């Protein structure tokens, strides 16, 4: 009898549940997919779109919970994505090329730096540099693991200089800016959306002026960082990729329209950031994201011919052996359709 009463009670509860659903009572919400995103470096304006998407609820609308994590360089970020430590990250084509050259399976699912963001900064009060030839005899500082160590010699050669015409020093990234301002080096690698605004802030405090020679103005028409993931994620969780990419570029679109609001979103999570520097980084990133295909294709679109130039330049700079197909480096499949 007790068993019969329990069965009847369960049937009654099931009936009430079905009746509730029929009456429009919402079912419990499904748990959001948790995504780890590697920022490739410390938080800065180049990541503003991620935090706008978080604050505006764009990720939540796609049933995503995104957790940004600081990184230690784009090459390491790409390898960690391949190892399954992160689903997505701020990764460079170089990282994908080197990863694939060693048998890895990473890929870009959209660009963030349609324009290559790097160059060599100098103090105008000490040097006059109007073209690559003016760099001859100067000393440049770059991070130990920075792409500048391999790419600068190739860029110099492509501009009619001997790679040894510029002495390249390996420095800790934390001392590159101060070393430039203090005159310990003549040139410093610097990046739009990242450390160039930091160097300019240091220069103002020291009553000097920072200017630069931008690589892309002299033949380096290649892609910079984008959104990277692994082929494993692309194959096993394509819907996750589509939702993440859709919300992320929605966040960047909003950040580009309103850099001040985007900066506030970053500062909400990292209140110790310098607001003026972060705002400049955010504005610079907005410019870096726009290219000739943006009006028609939208943010993030990767042009195959430009990616081919990117592959060829970087593979030569890093002596990558073996054929790497351009189509293995990127896909536009997951970008929002215009």
C-alpha atoms as a PDB file:
ATOM      1  CA  UNK A   1       0.000   0.000   0.000  1.00  0.00           C
ATOM      2  CA  UNK A   2       2.793   2.409   0.876  1.00  0.00           C
ATOM      3  CA  UNK A   3       4.475   1.727  -2.449  1.00  0.00           C
ATOM      4  CA  UNK A   4       1.180   2.312  -4.268  1.00  0.00           C
ATOM      5  CA  UNK A   5       0.633   5.649  -2.513  1.00  0.00           C
ATOM      6  CA  UNK A   6       4.175   6.776  -3.395  1.00  0.00           C
ATOM      7  CA  UNK A   7       3.606   5.896  -7.049  1.00  0.00           C
ATOM      8  CA  UNK A   8       0.338   7.820  -7.070  1.00  0.00           C
ATOM      9  CA  UNK A   9       2.021  10.808  -5.381  1.00  0.00           C
ATOM     10  CA  UNK A  10       4.809  10.820  -8.007  1.00  0.00           C
ATOM     11  CA  UNK A  11       2.279  10.617 -10.800  1.00  0.00           C
ATOM     12  CA  UNK A  12       0.374  13.519  -9.299  1.00  0.00           C
ATOM     13  CA  UNK A  13       3.532  15.641  -9.038  1.00  0.00           C
ATOM     14  CA  UNK A  14       4.430  14.809 -12.618  1.00  0.00           C
ATOM     15  CA  UNK A  15       0.968  15.861 -13.678  1.00  0.00           C
ATOM     16  CA  UNK A  16       1.315  19.177 -11.846  1.00  0.00           C
ATOM     17  CA  UNK A  17       4.692  19.788 -13.500  1.00  0.00           C
ATOM     18  CA  UNK A  18       3.279  19.109 -16.952  1.00  0.00           C
ATOM     19  CA  UNK A  19       0.325  21.343 -16.214  1.00  0.00           C
ATOM     20  CA  UNK A  20       2.683  24.093 -15.083  1.00  0.00           C
ATOM     21  CA  UNK A  21       4.704  23.833 -18.262  1.00  0.00           C
ATOM     22  CA  UNK A  22       1.542  23.917 -20.333  1.00  0.00           C
ATOM     23  CA  UNK A  23       0.496  27.047 -18.456  1.00  0.00           C
ATOM     24  CA  UNK A  24       3.733  28.801 -19.401  1.00  0.00           C
ATOM     25  CA  UNK A  25       5.762  28.352 -16.199  1.00  0.00           C
ATOM     26  CA  UNK A  26       9.413  28.544 -17.352  1.00  0.00           C
ATOM     27  CA  UNK A  27      11.660  25.533 -16.963  1.00  0.00           C
ATOM     28  CA  UNK A  28      14.910  25.989 -15.020  1.00  0.00           C
ATOM     29  CA  UNK A  29      17.517  27.815 -17.134  1.00  0.00           C
ATOM     30  CA  UNK A  30      20.308  25.702 -18.572  1.00  0.00           C
ATOM     31  CA  UNK A  31      23.745  26.373 -17.096  1.00  0.00           C
ATOM     32  CA  UNK A  32      25.944  28.670 -19.167  1.00  0.00           C
ATOM     33  CA  UNK A  33      28.993  27.257 -20.899  1.00  0.00           C
ATOM     34  CA  UNK A  34      32.125  28.430 -19.093  1.00  0.00           C
ATOM     35  CA  UNK A  35      34.834  29.705 -21.431  1.00  0.00           C
ATOM     36  CA  UNK A  36      38.425  30.506 -20.477  1.00  0.00           C
ATOM     37  CA  UNK A  37      39.873  33.332 -22.623  1.00  0.00           C
ATOM     38  CA  UNK A  38      43.632  33.982 -22.606  1.00  0.00           C
ATOM     39  CA  UNK A  39      44.382  37.707 -23.106  1.00  0.00           C
ATOM     40  CA  UNK A  40      47.996  36.950 -24.170  1.00  0.00           C
ATOM     41  CA  UNK A  41      49.285  39.688 -21.872  1.00  0.00           C
ATOM     42  CA  UNK A  42      48.114  41.968 -19.067  1.00  0.00           C
ATOM     43  CA  UNK A  43      44.661  43.608 -19.383  1.00  0.00           C
ATOM     44  CA  UNK A  44      44.730  46.611 -21.709  1.00  0.00           C
ATOM     45  CA  UNK A  45      42.604  48.473 -24.230  1.00  0.00           C
ATOM     46  CA  UNK A  46      43.097  45.844 -26.929  1.00  0.00           C
ATOM     47  CA  UNK A  47      40.836  43.588 -24.828  1.00  0.00           C
ATOM     48  CA  UNK A  48      38.051  46.149 -24.389  1.00  0.00           C
ATOM     49  CA  UNK A  49      35.587  44.287 -26.598  1.00  0.00           C
ATOM     50  CA  UNK A  50      35.729  41.239 -24.334  1.00  0.00           C
ATOM     51  CA  UNK A  51      34.793  43.268 -21.264  1.00  0.00           C
ATOM     52  CA  UNK A  52      32.078  45.215 -23.066  1.00  0.00           C
ATOM     53  CA  UNK A  53      30.541  41.892 -24.093  1.00  0.00           C
ATOM     54  CA  UNK A  54      30.674  40.792 -20.464  1.00  0.00           C
ATOM     55  CA  UNK A  55      29.206  44.002 -19.048  1.00  0.00           C
ATOM     56  CA  UNK A  56      26.523  44.402 -21.714  1.00  0.00           C
ATOM     57  CA  UNK A  57      25.345  40.823 -21.305  1.00  0.00           C
ATOM     58  CA  UNK A  58      26.276  39.790 -24.849  1.00  0.00           C
ATOM     59  CA  UNK A  59      27.916  36.611 -23.606  1.00  0.00           C
ATOM     60  CA  UNK A  60      25.084  35.879 -21.215  1.00  0.00           C
ATOM     61  CA  UNK A  61      22.642  36.205 -24.123  1.00  0.00           C
ATOM     62  CA  UNK A  62      24.617  33.438 -25.833  1.00  0.00           C
ATOM     63  CA  UNK A  63      24.576  31.274 -22.669  1.00  0.00           C
ATOM     64  CA  UNK A  64      28.268  31.864 -22.068  1.00  0.00           C
ATOM     65  CA  UNK A  65      30.246  32.701 -18.960  1.00  0.00           C
ATOM     66  CA  UNK A  66      33.595  34.090 -20.118  1.00  0.00           C
ATOM     67  CA  UNK A  67      36.575  34.217 -17.771  1.00  0.00           C
ATOM     68  CA  UNK A  68      39.482  36.333 -19.107  1.00  0.00           C
ATOM     69  CA  UNK A  69      42.920  35.269 -17.867  1.00  0.00           C
ATOM     70  CA  UNK A  70      46.202  37.159 -18.222  1.00  0.00           C
ATOM     71  CA  UNK A  71      48.719  35.653 -20.637  1.00  0.00           C
ATOM     72  CA  UNK A  72      52.478  35.609 -21.183  1.00  0.00           C
ATOM     73  CA  UNK A  73      52.804  36.335 -24.889  1.00  0.00           C
ATOM     74  CA  UNK A  74      50.825  35.349 -27.955  1.00  0.00           C
ATOM     75  CA  UNK A  75      53.017  32.406 -28.934  1.00  0.00           C
ATOM     76  CA  UNK A  76      52.596  30.792 -25.527  1.00  0.00           C
ATOM     77  CA  UNK A  77      48.873  31.601 -25.590  1.00  0.00           C
ATOM     78  CA  UNK A  78      48.446  29.770 -28.894  1.00  0.00           C
ATOM     79  CA  UNK A  79      50.298  26.714 -27.627  1.00  0.00           C
ATOM     80  CA  UNK A  80      48.198  26.653 -24.454  1.00  0.00           C
ATOM     81  CA  UNK A  81      45.028  26.734 -26.547  1.00  0.00           C
ATOM     82  CA  UNK A  82      46.340  23.773 -28.530  1.00  0.00           C
ATOM     83  CA  UNK A  83      47.010  21.952 -25.261  1.00  0.00           C
ATOM     84  CA  UNK A  84      43.391  22.458 -24.198  1.00  0.00           C
ATOM     85  CA  UNK A  85      44.128  24.876 -21.336  1.00  0.00           C
ATOM     86  CA  UNK A  86      41.918  27.580 -22.864  1.00  0.00           C
ATOM     87  CA  UNK A  87      39.067  27.503 -25.344  1.00  0.00           C
ATOM     88  CA  UNK A  88      39.943  30.858 -26.939  1.00  0.00           C
ATOM     89  CA  UNK A  89      42.635  33.513 -26.792  1.00  0.00           C
ATOM     90  CA  UNK A  90      44.159  36.642 -28.249  1.00  0.00           C
ATOM     91  CA  UNK A  91      46.565  34.969 -30.622  1.00  0.00           C
ATOM     92  CA  UNK A  92      48.822  36.077 -33.488  1.00  0.00           C
ATOM     93  CA  UNK A  93      49.219  34.404 -36.890  1.00  0.00           C
ATOM     94  CA  UNK A  94      52.835  33.828 -35.860  1.00  0.00           C
ATOM     95  CA  UNK A  95      51.674  31.722 -32.928  1.00  0.00           C
ATOM     96  CA  UNK A  96      49.444  29.641 -35.206  1.00  0.00           C
ATOM     97  CA  UNK A  97      52.232  29.189 -37.787  1.00  0.00           C
ATOM     98  CA  UNK A  98      54.799  28.105 -35.191  1.00  0.00           C
ATOM     99  CA  UNK A  99      52.270  25.863 -33.471  1.00  0.00           C
ATOM    100  CA  UNK A 100      51.344  24.155 -36.733  1.00  0.00           C
ATOM    101  CA  UNK A 101      54.994  23.902 -37.727  1.00  0.00           C
ATOM    102  CA  UNK A 102      55.413  21.657 -34.681  1.00  0.00           C
ATOM    103  CA  UNK A 103      52.319  19.572 -35.412  1.00  0.00           C
ATOM    104  CA  UNK A 104      49.757  21.667 -33.518  1.00  0.00           C
ATOM    105  CA  UNK A 105      46.204  22.353 -34.661  1.00  0.00           C
ATOM    106  CA  UNK A 106      45.289  25.936 -33.826  1.00  0.00           C
ATOM    107  CA  UNK A 107      43.434  28.385 -36.061  1.00  0.00           C
ATOM    108  CA  UNK A 108      42.250  31.997 -36.103  1.00  0.00           C
ATOM    109  CA  UNK A 109      38.477  32.524 -36.248  1.00  0.00           C
ATOM    110  CA  UNK A 110      38.704  36.270 -36.820  1.00  0.00           C
ATOM    111  CA  UNK A 111      41.165  39.148 -36.881  1.00  0.00           C
ATOM    112  CA  UNK A 112      41.470  41.948 -34.343  1.00  0.00           C
ATOM    113  CA  UNK A 113      44.544  43.632 -35.799  1.00  0.00           C
ATOM    114  CA  UNK A 114      43.672  43.969 -39.482  1.00  0.00           C
ATOM    115  CA  UNK A 115      46.628  46.362 -39.544  1.00  0.00           C
ATOM    116  CA  UNK A 116      49.947  45.208 -38.106  1.00  0.00           C
ATOM    117  CA  UNK A 117      50.325  47.270 -34.910  1.00  0.00           C
ATOM    118  CA  UNK A 118      54.094  47.341 -34.323  1.00  0.00           C
ATOM    119  CA  UNK A 119      56.987  49.706 -34.990  1.00  0.00           C
ATOM    120  CA  UNK A 120      60.096  51.246 -33.480  1.00  0.00           C
ATOM    121  CA  UNK A 121      59.627  54.174 -31.091  1.00  0.00           C
ATOM    122  CA  UNK A 122      62.247  56.858 -30.573  1.00  0.00           C
ATOM    123  CA  UNK A 123      62.591  60.161 -28.696  1.00  0.00           C
ATOM    124  CA  UNK A 124      62.282  63.066 -31.146  1.00  0.00           C
ATOM    125  CA  UNK A 125      64.526  65.334 -29.107  1.00  0.00           C
ATOM    126  CA  UNK A 126      67.404  62.861 -29.606  1.00  0.00           C
ATOM    127  CA  UNK A 127      66.902  61.423 -33.092  1.00  0.00           C
ATOM    128  CA  UNK A 128      65.407  62.331 -36.446  1.00  0.00           C
ATOM    129  CA  UNK A 129      63.955  59.234 -38.073  1.00  0.00           C
ATOM    130  CA  UNK A 130      61.803  59.728 -41.151  1.00  0.00           C
ATOM    131  CA  UNK A 131      62.467  56.439 -42.975  1.00  0.00           C
ATOM    132  CA  UNK A 132      64.125  53.059 -42.344  1.00  0.00           C
ATOM    133  CA  UNK A 133      67.499  54.317 -43.644  1.00  0.00           C
ATOM    134  CA  UNK A 134      67.633  56.746 -40.707  1.00  0.00           C
ATOM    135  CA  UNK A 135      67.772  53.806 -38.288  1.00  0.00           C
ATOM    136  CA  UNK A 136      71.288  52.841 -39.324  1.00  0.00           C
ATOM    137  CA  UNK A 137      73.712  52.777 -36.396  1.00  0.00           C
ATOM    138  CA  UNK A 138      71.009  52.931 -33.700  1.00  0.00           C
ATOM    139  CA  UNK A 139      70.370  50.469 -30.876  1.00  0.00           C
ATOM    140  CA  UNK A 140      66.905  48.931 -30.414  1.00  0.00           C
ATOM    141  CA  UNK A 141      65.480  47.184 -27.370  1.00  0.00           C
ATOM    142  CA  UNK A 142      62.959  44.347 -27.602  1.00  0.00           C
ATOM    143  CA  UNK A 143      61.599  41.626 -25.362  1.00  0.00           C
ATOM    144  CA  UNK A 144      63.525  38.380 -25.160  1.00  0.00           C
ATOM    145  CA  UNK A 145      60.666  36.388 -26.676  1.00  0.00           C
ATOM    146  CA  UNK A 146      59.257  39.158 -28.835  1.00  0.00           C
ATOM    147  CA  UNK A 147      58.692  38.704 -32.600  1.00  0.00           C
ATOM    148  CA  UNK A 148      60.918  41.762 -33.126  1.00  0.00           C
ATOM    149  CA  UNK A 149      63.976  39.580 -32.529  1.00  0.00           C
ATOM    150  CA  UNK A 150      63.306  37.600 -35.721  1.00  0.00           C
ATOM    151  CA  UNK A 151      61.178  40.015 -37.732  1.00  0.00           C
ATOM    152  CA  UNK A 152      63.239  43.212 -37.513  1.00  0.00           C
ATOM    153  CA  UNK A 153      66.235  41.783 -39.437  1.00  0.00           C
ATOM    154  CA  UNK A 154      63.934  40.635 -42.274  1.00  0.00           C
ATOM    155  CA  UNK A 155      62.150  44.000 -42.349  1.00  0.00           C
ATOM    156  CA  UNK A 156      65.467  45.850 -42.462  1.00  0.00           C
ATOM    157  CA  UNK A 157      66.674  43.673 -45.335  1.00  0.00           C
ATOM    158  CA  UNK A 158      63.412  44.241 -47.223  1.00  0.00           C
ATOM    159  CA  UNK A 159      64.008  47.983 -46.890  1.00  0.00           C
ATOM    160  CA  UNK A 160      67.530  47.909 -48.314  1.00  0.00           C
ATOM    161  CA  UNK A 161      69.444  47.754 -45.032  1.00  0.00           C
ATOM    162  CA  UNK A 162      71.815  45.204 -43.608  1.00  0.00           C
ATOM    163  CA  UNK A 163      70.217  43.387 -40.646  1.00  0.00           C
ATOM    164  CA  UNK A 164      73.255  44.360 -38.576  1.00  0.00           C
ATOM    165  CA  UNK A 165      72.702  48.079 -39.256  1.00  0.00           C
ATOM    166  CA  UNK A 166      70.517  48.185 -36.136  1.00  0.00           C
ATOM    167  CA  UNK A 167      71.895  46.637 -32.961  1.00  0.00           C
ATOM    168  CA  UNK A 168      69.134  44.642 -31.313  1.00  0.00           C
ATOM    169  CA  UNK A 169      69.204  44.144 -27.544  1.00  0.00           C
ATOM    170  CA  UNK A 170      67.096  41.665 -25.609  1.00  0.00           C
ATOM    171  CA  UNK A 171      65.476  43.311 -22.607  1.00  0.00           C
ATOM    172  CA  UNK A 172      62.859  42.491 -20.032  1.00  0.00           C
ATOM    173  CA  UNK A 173      59.591  44.009 -21.348  1.00  0.00           C
ATOM    174  CA  UNK A 174      59.176  45.972 -18.116  1.00  0.00           C
ATOM    175  CA  UNK A 175      62.360  47.999 -18.726  1.00  0.00           C
ATOM    176  CA  UNK A 176      62.010  48.704 -22.452  1.00  0.00           C
ATOM    177  CA  UNK A 177      59.964  51.892 -22.044  1.00  0.00           C
ATOM    178  CA  UNK A 178      62.031  53.362 -19.207  1.00  0.00           C
ATOM    179  CA  UNK A 179      65.245  52.501 -21.083  1.00  0.00           C
ATOM    180  CA  UNK A 180      64.029  54.467 -24.103  1.00  0.00           C
ATOM    181  CA  UNK A 181      62.969  57.502 -22.090  1.00  0.00           C
ATOM    182  CA  UNK A 182      66.226  57.507 -20.106  1.00  0.00           C
ATOM    183  CA  UNK A 183      68.330  57.295 -23.280  1.00  0.00           C
ATOM    184  CA  UNK A 184      69.820  53.874 -22.558  1.00  0.00           C
ATOM    185  CA  UNK A 185      68.565  52.688 -25.966  1.00  0.00           C
ATOM    186  CA  UNK A 186      67.783  54.660 -29.127  1.00  0.00           C
ATOM    187  CA  UNK A 187      64.780  52.637 -30.265  1.00  0.00           C
ATOM    188  CA  UNK A 188      62.166  50.506 -28.572  1.00  0.00           C
ATOM    189  CA  UNK A 189      59.733  48.040 -30.042  1.00  0.00           C
ATOM    190  CA  UNK A 190      56.260  49.417 -29.435  1.00  0.00           C
ATOM    191  CA  UNK A 191      52.726  48.397 -30.255  1.00  0.00           C
ATOM    192  CA  UNK A 192      49.536  50.318 -30.903  1.00  0.00           C
ATOM    193  CA  UNK A 193      46.774  49.279 -28.538  1.00  0.00           C
ATOM    194  CA  UNK A 194      49.414  48.184 -26.036  1.00  0.00           C
ATOM    195  CA  UNK A 195      52.697  49.743 -24.887  1.00  0.00           C
ATOM    196  CA  UNK A 196      53.008  52.750 -27.204  1.00  0.00           C
ATOM    197  CA  UNK A 197      50.479  54.756 -25.131  1.00  0.00           C
ATOM    198  CA  UNK A 198      52.421  53.728 -22.011  1.00  0.00           C
ATOM    199  CA  UNK A 199      55.680  55.045 -23.506  1.00  0.00           C
ATOM    200  CA  UNK A 200      54.008  58.278 -24.545  1.00  0.00           C
ATOM    201  CA  UNK A 201      52.731  58.741 -20.999  1.00  0.00           C
ATOM    202  CA  UNK A 202      56.252  58.192 -19.633  1.00  0.00           C
ATOM    203  CA  UNK A 203      57.634  60.661 -22.179  1.00  0.00           C
ATOM    204  CA  UNK A 204      55.214  63.425 -21.166  1.00  0.00           C
ATOM    205  CA  UNK A 205      56.285  63.077 -17.556  1.00  0.00           C
ATOM    206  CA  UNK A 206      59.934  63.352 -18.655  1.00  0.00           C
ATOM    207  CA  UNK A 207      59.204  66.373 -20.910  1.00  0.00           C
ATOM    208  CA  UNK A 208      60.232  64.561 -24.092  1.00  0.00           C
ATOM    209  CA  UNK A 209      58.290  63.382 -27.143  1.00  0.00           C
ATOM    210  CA  UNK A 210      57.930  59.871 -28.523  1.00  0.00           C
ATOM    211  CA  UNK A 211      57.529  59.259 -32.250  1.00  0.00           C
ATOM    212  CA  UNK A 212      57.936  56.087 -34.284  1.00  0.00           C
ATOM    213  CA  UNK A 213      58.624  54.285 -37.550  1.00  0.00           C
ATOM    214  CA  UNK A 214      55.658  52.031 -38.262  1.00  0.00           C
ATOM    215  CA  UNK A 215      56.518  48.715 -39.903  1.00  0.00           C
ATOM    216  CA  UNK A 216      53.398  48.556 -42.048  1.00  0.00           C
ATOM    217  CA  UNK A 217      54.196  51.909 -43.656  1.00  0.00           C
ATOM    218  CA  UNK A 218      57.295  50.264 -45.114  1.00  0.00           C
ATOM    219  CA  UNK A 219      56.192  46.984 -46.581  1.00  0.00           C
ATOM    220  CA  UNK A 220      54.949  44.898 -43.640  1.00  0.00           C
ATOM    221  CA  UNK A 221      51.330  44.575 -44.761  1.00  0.00           C
ATOM    222  CA  UNK A 222      50.426  41.567 -42.630  1.00  0.00           C
ATOM    223  CA  UNK A 223      47.893  40.604 -39.993  1.00  0.00           C
ATOM    224  CA  UNK A 224      48.401  41.040 -36.262  1.00  0.00           C
ATOM    225  CA  UNK A 225      46.483  39.378 -33.431  1.00  0.00           C
ATOM    226  CA  UNK A 226      43.088  37.771 -33.739  1.00  0.00           C
ATOM    227  CA  UNK A 227      40.813  35.340 -31.924  1.00  0.00           C
ATOM    228  CA  UNK A 228      42.427  31.905 -31.792  1.00  0.00           C
ATOM    229  CA  UNK A 229      41.029  28.496 -30.939  1.00  0.00           C
ATOM    230  CA  UNK A 230      41.841  24.840 -31.634  1.00  0.00           C
ATOM    231  CA  UNK A 231      40.615  22.519 -34.362  1.00  0.00           C
ATOM    232  CA  UNK A 232      39.382  20.240 -31.593  1.00  0.00           C
ATOM    233  CA  UNK A 233      36.995  22.949 -30.381  1.00  0.00           C
ATOM    234  CA  UNK A 234      36.005  23.794 -33.974  1.00  0.00           C
ATOM    235  CA  UNK A 235      35.168  20.167 -34.686  1.00  0.00           C
ATOM    236  CA  UNK A 236      33.557  19.142 -31.410  1.00  0.00           C
ATOM    237  CA  UNK A 237      31.849  22.389 -30.346  1.00  0.00           C
ATOM    238  CA  UNK A 238      31.135  24.518 -33.434  1.00  0.00           C
ATOM    239  CA  UNK A 239      28.064  26.088 -31.835  1.00  0.00           C
ATOM    240  CA  UNK A 240      30.185  27.252 -28.896  1.00  0.00           C
ATOM    241  CA  UNK A 241      32.602  28.889 -31.326  1.00  0.00           C
ATOM    242  CA  UNK A 242      29.801  30.600 -33.213  1.00  0.00           C
ATOM    243  CA  UNK A 243      28.242  31.985 -30.041  1.00  0.00           C
ATOM    244  CA  UNK A 244      31.558  33.183 -28.625  1.00  0.00           C
ATOM    245  CA  UNK A 245      32.634  34.851 -31.871  1.00  0.00           C
ATOM    246  CA  UNK A 246      29.235  36.498 -32.342  1.00  0.00           C
ATOM    247  CA  UNK A 247      29.201  37.989 -28.839  1.00  0.00           C
ATOM    248  CA  UNK A 248      32.884  38.983 -28.957  1.00  0.00           C
ATOM    249  CA  UNK A 249      32.639  40.983 -32.173  1.00  0.00           C
ATOM    250  CA  UNK A 250      29.402  42.507 -30.957  1.00  0.00           C
ATOM    251  CA  UNK A 251      31.410  43.669 -27.944  1.00  0.00           C
ATOM    252  CA  UNK A 252      34.159  45.111 -30.147  1.00  0.00           C
ATOM    253  CA  UNK A 253      31.638  46.896 -32.352  1.00  0.00           C
ATOM    254  CA  UNK A 254      30.240  48.604 -29.274  1.00  0.00           C
ATOM    255  CA  UNK A 255      33.729  49.331 -27.914  1.00  0.00           C
ATOM    256  CA  UNK A 256      34.699  50.949 -31.210  1.00  0.00           C
ATOM    257  CA  UNK A 257      31.560  53.114 -31.178  1.00  0.00           C
ATOM    258  CA  UNK A 258      32.046  54.195 -27.582  1.00  0.00           C
ATOM    259  CA  UNK A 259      35.681  53.868 -26.407  1.00  0.00           C
ATOM    260  CA  UNK A 260      34.995  55.798 -23.194  1.00  0.00           C
ATOM    261  CA  UNK A 261      32.299  53.345 -22.133  1.00  0.00           C
ATOM    262  CA  UNK A 262      34.527  50.427 -23.137  1.00  0.00           C
ATOM    263  CA  UNK A 263      37.359  51.816 -21.031  1.00  0.00           C
ATOM    264  CA  UNK A 264      35.013  52.052 -18.061  1.00  0.00           C
ATOM    265  CA  UNK A 265      34.093  48.382 -18.567  1.00  0.00           C
ATOM    266  CA  UNK A 266      37.775  47.435 -18.339  1.00  0.00           C
ATOM    267  CA  UNK A 267      38.384  49.654 -15.333  1.00  0.00           C
ATOM    268  CA  UNK A 268      35.456  48.064 -13.511  1.00  0.00           C
ATOM    269  CA  UNK A 269      37.428  44.802 -13.513  1.00  0.00           C
ATOM    270  CA  UNK A 270      40.909  46.345 -13.232  1.00  0.00           C
ATOM    271  CA  UNK A 271      40.546  49.664 -11.366  1.00  0.00           C
ATOM    272  CA  UNK A 272      44.318  50.221 -11.081  1.00  0.00           C
ATOM    273  CA  UNK A 273      44.697  50.741 -14.843  1.00  0.00           C
ATOM    274  CA  UNK A 274      45.537  54.263 -15.975  1.00  0.00           C
ATOM    275  CA  UNK A 275      42.356  55.553 -17.607  1.00  0.00           C
ATOM    276  CA  UNK A 276      44.015  57.871 -20.125  1.00  0.00           C
ATOM    277  CA  UNK A 277      46.420  55.162 -21.298  1.00  0.00           C
ATOM    278  CA  UNK A 278      43.661  52.537 -21.485  1.00  0.00           C
ATOM    279  CA  UNK A 279      41.378  54.883 -23.425  1.00  0.00           C
ATOM    280  CA  UNK A 280      44.131  55.545 -25.962  1.00  0.00           C
ATOM    281  CA  UNK A 281      44.751  51.808 -26.310  1.00  0.00           C
ATOM    282  CA  UNK A 282      41.042  51.230 -26.893  1.00  0.00           C
ATOM    283  CA  UNK A 283      40.857  53.935 -29.555  1.00  0.00           C
ATOM    284  CA  UNK A 284      43.951  52.625 -31.297  1.00  0.00           C
ATOM    285  CA  UNK A 285      42.505  49.112 -31.335  1.00  0.00           C
ATOM    286  CA  UNK A 286      39.343  50.420 -32.990  1.00  0.00           C
ATOM    287  CA  UNK A 287      41.460  51.816 -35.824  1.00  0.00           C
ATOM    288  CA  UNK A 288      43.533  48.634 -36.091  1.00  0.00           C
ATOM    289  CA  UNK A 289      40.389  46.542 -36.526  1.00  0.00           C
ATOM    290  CA  UNK A 290      39.164  48.370 -39.618  1.00  0.00           C
ATOM    291  CA  UNK A 291      40.399  47.392 -43.069  1.00  0.00           C
ATOM    292  CA  UNK A 292      39.280  47.516 -46.692  1.00  0.00           C
ATOM    293  CA  UNK A 293      36.813  44.638 -46.206  1.00  0.00           C
ATOM    294  CA  UNK A 294      35.198  45.987 -43.028  1.00  0.00           C
ATOM    295  CA  UNK A 295      32.347  47.981 -44.660  1.00  0.00           C
ATOM    296  CA  UNK A 296      31.210  44.940 -46.635  1.00  0.00           C
ATOM    297  CA  UNK A 297      32.237  42.022 -44.419  1.00  0.00           C
ATOM    298  CA  UNK A 298      32.253  43.476 -40.919  1.00  0.00           C
ATOM    299  CA  UNK A 299      34.852  43.210 -38.182  1.00  0.00           C
ATOM    300  CA  UNK A 300      37.145  40.205 -38.078  1.00  0.00           C
ATOM    301  CA  UNK A 301      37.105  39.225 -41.740  1.00  0.00           C
ATOM    302  CA  UNK A 302      40.385  37.692 -42.938  1.00  0.00           C
ATOM    303  CA  UNK A 303      41.506  38.146 -46.542  1.00  0.00           C
ATOM    304  CA  UNK A 304      43.185  35.051 -47.944  1.00  0.00           C
ATOM    305  CA  UNK A 305      45.798  36.884 -50.011  1.00  0.00           C
ATOM    306  CA  UNK A 306      46.851  39.034 -47.082  1.00  0.00           C
ATOM    307  CA  UNK A 307      47.064  35.954 -44.863  1.00  0.00           C
ATOM    308  CA  UNK A 308      49.252  34.352 -47.509  1.00  0.00           C
ATOM    309  CA  UNK A 309      51.623  37.349 -47.330  1.00  0.00           C
ATOM    310  CA  UNK A 310      51.531  37.042 -43.556  1.00  0.00           C
ATOM    311  CA  UNK A 311      52.445  33.366 -43.693  1.00  0.00           C
ATOM    312  CA  UNK A 312      55.265  33.895 -46.166  1.00  0.00           C
ATOM    313  CA  UNK A 313      56.866  36.746 -44.205  1.00  0.00           C
ATOM    314  CA  UNK A 314      56.625  35.044 -40.822  1.00  0.00           C
ATOM    315  CA  UNK A 315      57.698  31.623 -42.071  1.00  0.00           C
ATOM    316  CA  UNK A 316      60.803  33.204 -43.605  1.00  0.00           C
ATOM    317  CA  UNK A 317      61.586  35.197 -40.455  1.00  0.00           C
ATOM    318  CA  UNK A 318      61.342  32.098 -38.261  1.00  0.00           C
ATOM    319  CA  UNK A 319      62.773  29.553 -40.708  1.00  0.00           C
ATOM    320  CA  UNK A 320      59.617  27.450 -40.552  1.00  0.00           C
ATOM    321  CA  UNK A 321      60.154  24.324 -42.628  1.00  0.00           C
ATOM    322  CA  UNK A 322      57.412  22.341 -44.289  1.00  0.00           C
ATOM    323  CA  UNK A 323      54.332  23.526 -46.142  1.00  0.00           C
ATOM    324  CA  UNK A 324      51.614  25.218 -44.111  1.00  0.00           C
ATOM    325  CA  UNK A 325      48.419  25.804 -46.067  1.00  0.00           C
ATOM    326  CA  UNK A 326      46.919  29.259 -45.743  1.00  0.00           C
ATOM    327  CA  UNK A 327      43.477  27.721 -45.169  1.00  0.00           C
ATOM    328  CA  UNK A 328      44.868  25.959 -42.088  1.00  0.00           C
ATOM    329  CA  UNK A 329      45.649  29.310 -40.462  1.00  0.00           C
ATOM    330  CA  UNK A 330      42.192  30.860 -40.374  1.00  0.00           C
ATOM    331  CA  UNK A 331      38.481  30.508 -41.076  1.00  0.00           C
ATOM    332  CA  UNK A 332      35.776  33.132 -41.635  1.00  0.00           C
ATOM    333  CA  UNK A 333      33.039  30.531 -41.166  1.00  0.00           C
ATOM    334  CA  UNK A 334      32.064  31.592 -37.650  1.00  0.00           C
ATOM    335  CA  UNK A 335      31.934  35.359 -38.120  1.00  0.00           C
ATOM    336  CA  UNK A 336      28.486  36.998 -38.092  1.00  0.00           C
ATOM    337  CA  UNK A 337      27.037  37.261 -41.586  1.00  0.00           C
ATOM    338  CA  UNK A 338      26.384  40.736 -42.979  1.00  0.00           C
END
